[in-house]
Amino acid sequence: LAHTMSSPTSPCEEVIKNLSLEAIQLCERDGNKSQDSGIAEMEELPVPHNIKISNITCDSFKISWDMDSKSKDRITHYFIDLNKKENKNSNKFKHKDVPTKLVAKAVPLPMTVRGHWFLSPRTEYTVAVQTASKQVDGDYVVSEWSEIIEFCTADYSKVHLTQLLEKAEVIAGRMLKLSVFYRNQHKEYFDYIREHHGNAMQPSVKDNSGSHGSPISGKLEGIFFSCNTEFNTGKPPQDSPYGRYRFEIAAEKLFNPNTNLYFGDFYCMYTAYHYVILVIAPVGSPGDEFCKQRLPQLNIKENKFLTCDEEDGVMVYHHAQDVILEVIYTDPVDLSLGTVAEITGHQLMSLSTANAKKDPSCKTCNISVGR
């Protein structure tokens, strides 16, 4: 497929040139014939119908449709109008010399549409199709547009997340010791937990911060914890963007040989520092089953981000120095397992990652699929 909306530096440049685009002028999808159109409209070419979308990934899909057999042998190309759903009117092109977005030679169906330069993960699209017959003068005869079909691309697969994981490993840095996980909130949060949830913090659905294609956003239920320490003290920092009250719990109560560890995401927010999301799930729990299907699993004794190992009969924990770790624990956690106390530092709202948008231009934490 040629992505004919690309800039002159597009890899499809030669294909675009061969299409003699200056001779192609589109009509609006509703079939009205433009007076100055360079494309002839004829009833003989079959109109695609019963469009089917299948094999959807974060940056590709397969498309097929039915056609009447009449004049089917005259078809040389397919014109595919692919738009993000929020731009439903974008099929009414602003410039008359701009062709439809995708042009493909007539190949056997189903046909794969692939390309990270126009497809993003977890995004709703509309698609419609024309059949076309290229003439000897370079002009096209086209059918009417098909009906408009809607579909949504998929999340990152394990393959894509493994690519993110490998990028994160490069900058993780040396490992520092830790002894506790901690969670900052406002006093009202902890009061509510005691009064309404029997003293147990409950998992909630993860927000949409981080990579747009992350399979845990809006789906995985868990409780956010931090574990980073200050280099000079070896203890948690006294500042937090999330509230002045902190719950601290010994690391071994959340992370031990009875839990599995998964890599969830790697991102930044237009800043020099980067975040890594890890998921800790008790073995066999619903959270564990969710992650097992979707996320790369890490060896708890040996990885670049967060380790748990036994030394002289004592569990010892380390975390990566050069990334900010966000740890999601997938089961409820009772406040009686730790302590709640007010911190002495400041509330640094600039560090908040709530629904934070990932920088799509960062070469450190992006991979070569749709953002």
Protein backbone atom coordinates (compact mmCIF):
# COMPACT_ATOMS: atom_id res chain seq x y z
CA LEU A 1 0.00 0.00 0.00
CA ALA A 2 1.12 3.54 -0.69
CA HIS A 3 0.37 6.09 1.98
CA THR A 4 -0.40 8.90 -0.41
CA MET A 5 -0.87 11.55 2.30
CA SER A 6 2.84 11.21 3.21
CA SER A 7 5.41 13.95 2.76
CA PRO A 8 7.79 13.88 -0.27
CA THR A 9 10.27 12.04 1.93
CA SER A 10 7.86 9.14 2.41
CA PRO A 11 9.14 5.65 1.56
CA CYS A 12 6.22 5.44 -0.86
CA GLU A 13 7.40 8.46 -2.90
CA GLU A 14 8.06 6.52 -6.09
CA VAL A 15 4.69 4.78 -5.92
CA ILE A 16 2.99 8.13 -5.50
CA LYS A 17 4.80 9.59 -8.50
CA ASN A 18 3.77 6.67 -10.68
CA LEU A 19 0.13 7.30 -9.89
CA SER A 20 0.22 10.61 -11.81
CA LEU A 21 -1.49 12.28 -8.90
CA GLU A 22 -1.82 15.58 -10.63
CA ALA A 23 -4.45 13.94 -12.82
CA ILE A 24 -6.46 12.51 -9.93
CA GLN A 25 -9.17 14.65 -8.44
CA LEU A 26 -11.61 13.11 -6.02
CA CYS A 27 -15.31 13.56 -5.70
CA GLU A 28 -16.93 13.59 -2.26
CA ARG A 29 -17.82 10.15 -0.95
CA ASP A 30 -21.56 10.67 -1.40
CA GLY A 31 -21.10 10.12 -5.12
CA ASN A 32 -21.75 13.66 -6.36
CA LYS A 33 -19.77 14.22 -9.53
CA SER A 34 -17.40 17.18 -9.31
CA GLN A 35 -17.45 19.34 -12.44
CA ASP A 36 -13.66 19.51 -12.60
CA SER A 37 -12.92 15.94 -11.51
CA GLY A 38 -10.28 14.06 -13.45
CA ILE A 39 -11.82 10.72 -12.43
CA ALA A 40 -14.63 9.30 -14.49
CA GLU A 41 -17.52 7.78 -12.55
CA MET A 42 -19.03 4.68 -14.16
CA GLU A 43 -21.62 2.26 -12.89
CA GLU A 44 -19.89 -0.76 -14.42
CA LEU A 45 -17.24 -1.16 -11.71
CA PRO A 46 -18.55 -3.16 -8.75
CA VAL A 47 -19.04 -1.34 -5.46
CA PRO A 48 -17.45 -3.11 -2.46
CA HIS A 49 -19.98 -4.21 0.13
CA ASN A 50 -20.12 -6.37 3.27
CA ILE A 51 -16.70 -5.12 4.36
CA LYS A 52 -14.96 -7.28 6.95
CA ILE A 53 -12.04 -6.23 9.19
CA SER A 54 -9.96 -8.99 10.83
CA ASN A 55 -6.53 -9.78 12.30
CA ILE A 56 -6.36 -6.37 13.97
CA THR A 57 -3.08 -5.45 15.66
CA CYS A 58 -1.81 -2.14 17.04
CA ASP A 59 -0.55 -1.09 13.60
CA SER A 60 -2.20 -3.33 11.01
CA PHE A 61 -5.41 -5.05 9.97
CA LYS A 62 -6.79 -7.23 7.21
CA ILE A 63 -9.68 -6.05 5.07
CA SER A 64 -11.92 -7.94 2.67
CA TRP A 65 -15.26 -7.34 1.00
CA ASP A 66 -17.75 -8.79 -1.45
CA MET A 67 -18.21 -7.56 -5.02
CA ASP A 68 -20.54 -8.27 -7.92
CA SER A 69 -18.79 -10.26 -10.61
CA LYS A 70 -19.73 -7.84 -13.41
CA SER A 71 -16.65 -5.94 -14.67
CA LYS A 72 -14.61 -7.41 -11.85
CA ASP A 73 -11.78 -8.25 -14.23
CA ARG A 74 -11.38 -4.53 -15.07
CA ILE A 75 -10.33 -3.63 -11.53
CA THR A 76 -6.66 -2.66 -11.29
CA HIS A 77 -6.57 -0.78 -7.96
CA TYR A 78 -8.38 -0.25 -4.68
CA PHE A 79 -8.76 3.19 -3.11
CA ILE A 80 -9.04 2.99 0.68
CA ASP A 81 -10.17 5.97 2.73
CA LEU A 82 -8.89 5.51 6.28
CA ASN A 83 -9.62 8.13 8.93
CA LYS A 84 -9.49 8.46 12.66
CA LYS A 85 -13.07 8.27 13.85
CA GLU A 86 -13.10 11.77 15.30
CA ASN A 87 -12.37 13.13 11.82
CA LYS A 88 -15.36 11.69 9.99
CA ASN A 89 -15.52 14.57 7.53
CA SER A 90 -11.91 14.27 6.46
CA ASN A 91 -12.96 12.22 3.43
CA LYS A 92 -14.10 15.54 1.94
CA PHE A 93 -10.64 16.54 0.87
CA LYS A 94 -9.48 20.12 1.27
CA HIS A 95 -7.43 20.10 -1.94
CA LYS A 96 -8.91 18.72 -5.15
CA ASP A 97 -5.58 17.29 -6.32
CA VAL A 98 -5.07 15.15 -3.21
CA PRO A 99 -5.88 11.48 -3.86
CA THR A 100 -7.48 9.11 -1.43
CA LYS A 101 -5.26 8.19 1.49
CA LEU A 102 -4.29 4.64 0.49
CA VAL A 103 -3.86 3.26 -3.01
CA ALA A 104 -3.26 -0.44 -3.55
CA LYS A 105 -2.99 -2.65 -6.57
CA ALA A 106 -5.85 -5.09 -6.83
CA VAL A 107 -4.55 -8.10 -4.94
CA PRO A 108 -6.41 -11.16 -3.66
CA LEU A 109 -8.52 -10.50 -0.58
CA PRO A 110 -8.18 -10.31 2.38
CA MET A 111 -5.55 -7.61 2.01
CA THR A 112 -3.27 -6.46 4.84
CA VAL A 113 -3.09 -2.75 5.61
CA ARG A 114 0.04 -2.06 7.60
CA GLY A 115 2.08 0.96 8.55
CA HIS A 116 3.01 2.74 11.76
CA TRP A 117 3.09 6.12 10.00
CA PHE A 118 -0.71 6.20 9.79
CA LEU A 119 -2.01 3.61 12.26
CA SER A 120 -1.85 4.09 16.02
CA PRO A 121 -2.70 1.53 18.73
CA ARG A 122 -6.00 1.59 20.60
CA THR A 123 -7.50 4.13 18.18
CA GLU A 124 -10.91 4.13 16.49
CA TYR A 125 -10.90 4.42 12.70
CA THR A 126 -13.40 4.56 9.86
CA VAL A 127 -12.70 2.93 6.52
CA ALA A 128 -14.39 2.85 3.13
CA VAL A 129 -13.31 1.40 -0.23
CA GLN A 130 -13.61 2.13 -3.96
CA THR A 131 -12.63 -0.13 -6.82
CA ALA A 132 -10.73 1.56 -9.66
CA SER A 133 -9.54 0.86 -13.16
CA LYS A 134 -6.44 2.68 -14.39
CA GLN A 135 -6.72 3.87 -17.99
CA VAL A 136 -3.99 4.13 -20.62
CA ASP A 137 -3.83 7.91 -20.14
CA GLY A 138 -3.19 7.50 -16.42
CA ASP A 139 -6.71 8.51 -15.42
CA TYR A 140 -8.95 6.28 -13.31
CA VAL A 141 -12.46 4.98 -13.59
CA VAL A 142 -13.82 4.39 -10.09
CA SER A 143 -16.84 2.85 -8.43
CA GLU A 144 -19.03 4.51 -5.84
CA TRP A 145 -17.69 4.45 -2.29
CA SER A 146 -18.64 1.51 -0.12
CA GLU A 147 -20.38 1.88 3.20
CA ILE A 148 -18.30 3.26 6.08
CA ILE A 149 -17.04 0.68 8.57
CA GLU A 150 -15.72 1.46 12.06
CA PHE A 151 -13.08 -0.51 13.97
CA CYS A 152 -10.49 -0.02 16.72
CA THR A 153 -6.83 -0.99 16.57
CA ALA A 154 -5.39 -3.23 19.28
CA ASP A 155 -3.03 -2.67 22.20
CA TYR A 156 0.69 -3.37 22.08
CA SER A 157 1.41 -7.08 21.92
CA LYS A 158 4.03 -8.84 24.03
CA VAL A 159 6.42 -8.42 21.10
CA HIS A 160 6.01 -4.64 21.17
CA LEU A 161 6.29 -4.51 24.97
CA THR A 162 9.48 -6.55 24.79
CA GLN A 163 10.89 -3.89 22.48
CA LEU A 164 9.97 -1.25 25.09
CA LEU A 165 11.49 -3.42 27.81
CA GLU A 166 14.79 -3.65 25.95
CA LYS A 167 14.89 0.13 25.54
CA ALA A 168 14.18 0.62 29.26
CA GLU A 169 16.97 -1.80 30.21
CA VAL A 170 19.50 0.39 28.41
CA ILE A 171 18.97 3.36 30.74
CA ALA A 172 17.98 1.62 34.00
CA GLY A 173 21.35 2.25 35.65
CA ARG A 174 22.93 0.52 38.62
CA MET A 175 20.85 -1.06 41.36
CA LEU A 176 20.29 0.46 44.81
CA LYS A 177 18.97 -1.27 47.94
CA LEU A 178 15.43 -0.71 49.18
CA SER A 179 13.49 -2.00 52.17
CA VAL A 180 9.93 -0.67 51.77
CA PHE A 181 7.21 0.07 49.24
CA TYR A 182 5.25 3.24 49.88
CA ARG A 183 2.07 4.94 48.72
CA ASN A 184 1.26 8.62 49.22
CA GLN A 185 -2.30 9.94 49.45
CA HIS A 186 -4.30 12.61 51.24
CA LYS A 187 -5.43 11.97 54.80
CA GLU A 188 -9.03 11.70 53.58
CA TYR A 189 -8.10 8.71 51.43
CA PHE A 190 -6.83 6.69 54.38
CA ASP A 191 -9.79 7.75 56.52
CA TYR A 192 -12.14 6.52 53.79
CA ILE A 193 -10.29 3.17 53.53
CA ARG A 194 -10.65 2.60 57.27
CA GLU A 195 -14.32 3.55 57.35
CA HIS A 196 -15.65 2.04 54.14
CA HIS A 197 -13.28 -0.79 53.16
CA GLY A 198 -12.48 -2.48 56.44
CA ASN A 199 -8.96 -1.04 56.54
CA ALA A 200 -7.95 -2.58 53.18
CA MET A 201 -6.83 -0.51 50.20
CA GLN A 202 -8.68 -1.79 47.11
CA PRO A 203 -7.33 -2.20 43.57
CA SER A 204 -8.68 0.31 41.05
CA VAL A 205 -8.48 0.48 37.27
CA LYS A 206 -5.24 1.99 35.99
CA ASP A 207 -5.60 5.38 34.31
CA ASN A 208 -4.47 6.22 30.76
CA SER A 209 -1.01 7.52 31.61
CA GLY A 210 1.99 6.23 29.70
CA SER A 211 2.17 4.64 26.26
CA HIS A 212 -1.01 4.91 24.23
CA GLY A 213 -0.83 1.24 23.30
CA SER A 214 -0.23 -0.09 26.81
CA PRO A 215 -2.53 -3.11 27.43
CA ILE A 216 -2.83 -2.31 31.15
CA SER A 217 -4.27 1.22 30.77
CA GLY A 218 -7.97 1.30 31.56
CA LYS A 219 -7.98 -2.47 32.13
CA LEU A 220 -5.64 -3.72 34.85
CA GLU A 221 -6.83 -3.27 38.44
CA GLY A 222 -4.20 -2.61 41.07
CA ILE A 223 -2.76 -0.32 43.73
CA PHE A 224 0.11 2.01 42.84
CA PHE A 225 3.22 1.93 45.00
CA SER A 226 6.62 3.58 44.73
CA CYS A 227 9.95 2.11 45.74
CA ASN A 228 12.63 4.56 44.62
CA THR A 229 15.06 5.74 47.30
CA GLU A 230 17.23 8.79 47.70
CA PHE A 231 20.81 8.10 46.68
CA ASN A 232 22.35 9.70 49.77
CA THR A 233 20.03 8.25 52.44
CA GLY A 234 18.80 4.95 50.99
CA LYS A 235 15.30 5.91 52.17
CA PRO A 236 12.15 7.07 50.32
CA PRO A 237 12.15 10.77 49.38
CA GLN A 238 10.18 13.10 51.64
CA ASP A 239 8.50 14.86 48.70
CA SER A 240 5.49 13.50 46.81
CA PRO A 241 2.95 14.76 44.25
CA TYR A 242 0.16 12.56 45.59
CA GLY A 243 -0.47 13.69 49.16
CA ARG A 244 1.18 14.37 52.49
CA TYR A 245 0.32 11.03 54.11
CA ARG A 246 2.37 7.94 53.33
CA PHE A 247 1.67 4.26 53.80
CA GLU A 248 4.90 2.25 54.13
CA ILE A 249 5.07 -1.52 54.01
CA ALA A 250 8.04 -3.88 54.25
CA ALA A 251 9.07 -4.97 50.76
CA GLU A 252 8.79 -8.70 51.51
CA LYS A 253 5.09 -8.39 52.31
CA LEU A 254 4.30 -7.42 48.70
CA PHE A 255 7.21 -8.86 46.72
CA ASN A 256 8.48 -12.38 47.38
CA PRO A 257 8.84 -15.80 45.73
CA ASN A 258 5.04 -16.20 45.88
CA THR A 259 4.55 -13.27 43.50
CA ASN A 260 5.26 -12.79 39.80
CA LEU A 261 6.79 -9.65 38.32
CA TYR A 262 5.83 -8.18 34.93
CA PHE A 263 7.02 -5.29 32.77
CA GLY A 264 4.11 -2.96 31.97
CA ASP A 265 5.36 0.22 30.30
CA PHE A 266 8.21 2.68 29.67
CA TYR A 267 7.56 6.35 29.03
CA CYS A 268 8.45 9.99 29.68
CA MET A 269 6.42 13.19 29.80
CA TYR A 270 8.57 15.65 27.83
CA THR A 271 11.19 15.47 30.60
CA ALA A 272 14.72 14.12 30.99
CA TYR A 273 13.68 11.39 33.43
CA HIS A 274 11.79 8.24 32.49
CA TYR A 275 9.20 6.04 34.16
CA VAL A 276 8.96 2.24 34.18
CA ILE A 277 5.73 0.56 35.25
CA LEU A 278 6.07 -2.88 36.85
CA VAL A 279 3.28 -5.17 38.02
CA ILE A 280 3.56 -7.42 41.08
CA ALA A 281 0.87 -10.11 41.16
CA PRO A 282 0.41 -12.95 43.68
CA VAL A 283 0.89 -16.25 41.84
CA GLY A 284 -2.42 -17.55 40.46
CA SER A 285 -4.39 -14.39 41.29
CA PRO A 286 -6.71 -12.72 38.74
CA GLY A 287 -4.08 -10.03 38.24
CA ASP A 288 -1.47 -12.69 37.57
CA GLU A 289 -3.66 -14.35 34.94
CA PHE A 290 -4.34 -10.97 33.28
CA CYS A 291 -0.64 -10.13 33.07
CA LYS A 292 0.46 -13.59 31.97
CA GLN A 293 -1.54 -13.20 28.75
CA ARG A 294 -0.36 -9.65 27.96
CA LEU A 295 2.94 -8.65 29.58
CA PRO A 296 6.55 -9.84 29.48
CA GLN A 297 7.37 -11.64 32.74
CA LEU A 298 10.60 -10.77 34.57
CA ASN A 299 12.82 -13.01 36.67
CA ILE A 300 12.36 -11.67 40.21
CA LYS A 301 15.97 -12.52 41.11
CA GLU A 302 17.61 -11.09 38.01
CA ASN A 303 16.31 -8.13 36.00
CA LYS A 304 17.29 -4.51 35.43
CA PHE A 305 14.52 -2.84 37.47
CA LEU A 306 13.43 -4.54 40.71
CA THR A 307 14.90 -7.67 42.27
CA CYS A 308 14.13 -9.91 45.20
CA ASP A 309 16.73 -12.45 46.32
CA GLU A 310 17.77 -14.28 49.45
CA GLU A 311 21.17 -13.60 51.06
CA ASP A 312 22.14 -15.43 54.27
CA GLY A 313 18.49 -16.33 54.92
CA VAL A 314 17.29 -12.73 54.52
CA MET A 315 15.34 -11.29 51.59
CA VAL A 316 17.29 -8.47 49.93
CA TYR A 317 15.75 -5.96 47.50
CA HIS A 318 17.22 -3.66 44.84
CA HIS A 319 15.76 -1.10 42.42
CA ALA A 320 17.12 0.66 39.33
CA GLN A 321 18.69 4.02 40.05
CA ASP A 322 18.11 5.90 36.79
CA VAL A 323 14.39 5.35 36.17
CA ILE A 324 11.38 6.17 38.33
CA LEU A 325 9.58 2.93 39.12
CA GLU A 326 5.80 2.80 39.42
CA VAL A 327 4.77 -0.53 40.92
CA ILE A 328 1.23 -1.86 40.63
CA TYR A 329 0.19 -4.49 43.18
CA THR A 330 -2.90 -6.36 41.99
CA ASP A 331 -4.48 -7.50 45.29
CA PRO A 332 -6.01 -5.55 48.22
CA VAL A 333 -3.53 -4.43 50.90
CA ASP A 334 -4.53 -4.05 54.55
CA LEU A 335 -3.27 -0.93 56.28
CA SER A 336 -2.42 -3.02 59.36
CA LEU A 337 0.45 -4.56 57.37
CA GLY A 338 2.31 -1.22 57.42
CA THR A 339 2.24 2.27 58.87
CA VAL A 340 0.64 5.57 57.86
CA ALA A 341 2.42 8.82 58.74
CA GLU A 342 2.67 12.40 57.49
CA ILE A 343 5.72 13.25 55.40
CA THR A 344 7.82 16.35 56.05
CA GLY A 345 8.50 17.30 52.42
CA HIS A 346 6.60 19.16 49.73
CA GLN A 347 3.80 18.15 47.39
CA LEU A 348 5.48 18.37 43.99
CA MET A 349 2.54 18.33 41.58
CA SER A 350 4.85 18.55 38.57
CA LEU A 351 5.86 14.93 39.18
CA SER A 352 2.33 13.59 39.03
CA THR A 353 1.75 10.96 36.34
CA ALA A 354 -2.06 10.87 36.57
CA ASN A 355 -3.32 10.47 32.98
CA ALA A 356 0.05 11.80 31.79
CA LYS A 357 0.63 11.83 28.05
CA LYS A 358 3.73 10.16 26.70
CA ASP A 359 6.13 12.21 24.59
CA PRO A 360 5.70 10.62 21.12
CA SER A 361 8.93 12.17 19.81
CA CYS A 362 11.29 10.77 22.45
CA LYS A 363 13.76 8.39 20.82
CA THR A 364 14.63 6.79 24.17
CA CYS A 365 11.19 5.40 25.05
CA ASN A 366 9.31 4.97 21.76
CA ILE A 367 9.28 2.00 19.43
CA SER A 368 8.67 1.85 15.68
CA VAL A 369 4.93 1.31 15.78
CA GLY A 370 2.08 3.79 16.19
CA ARG A 371 2.36 5.90 19.30
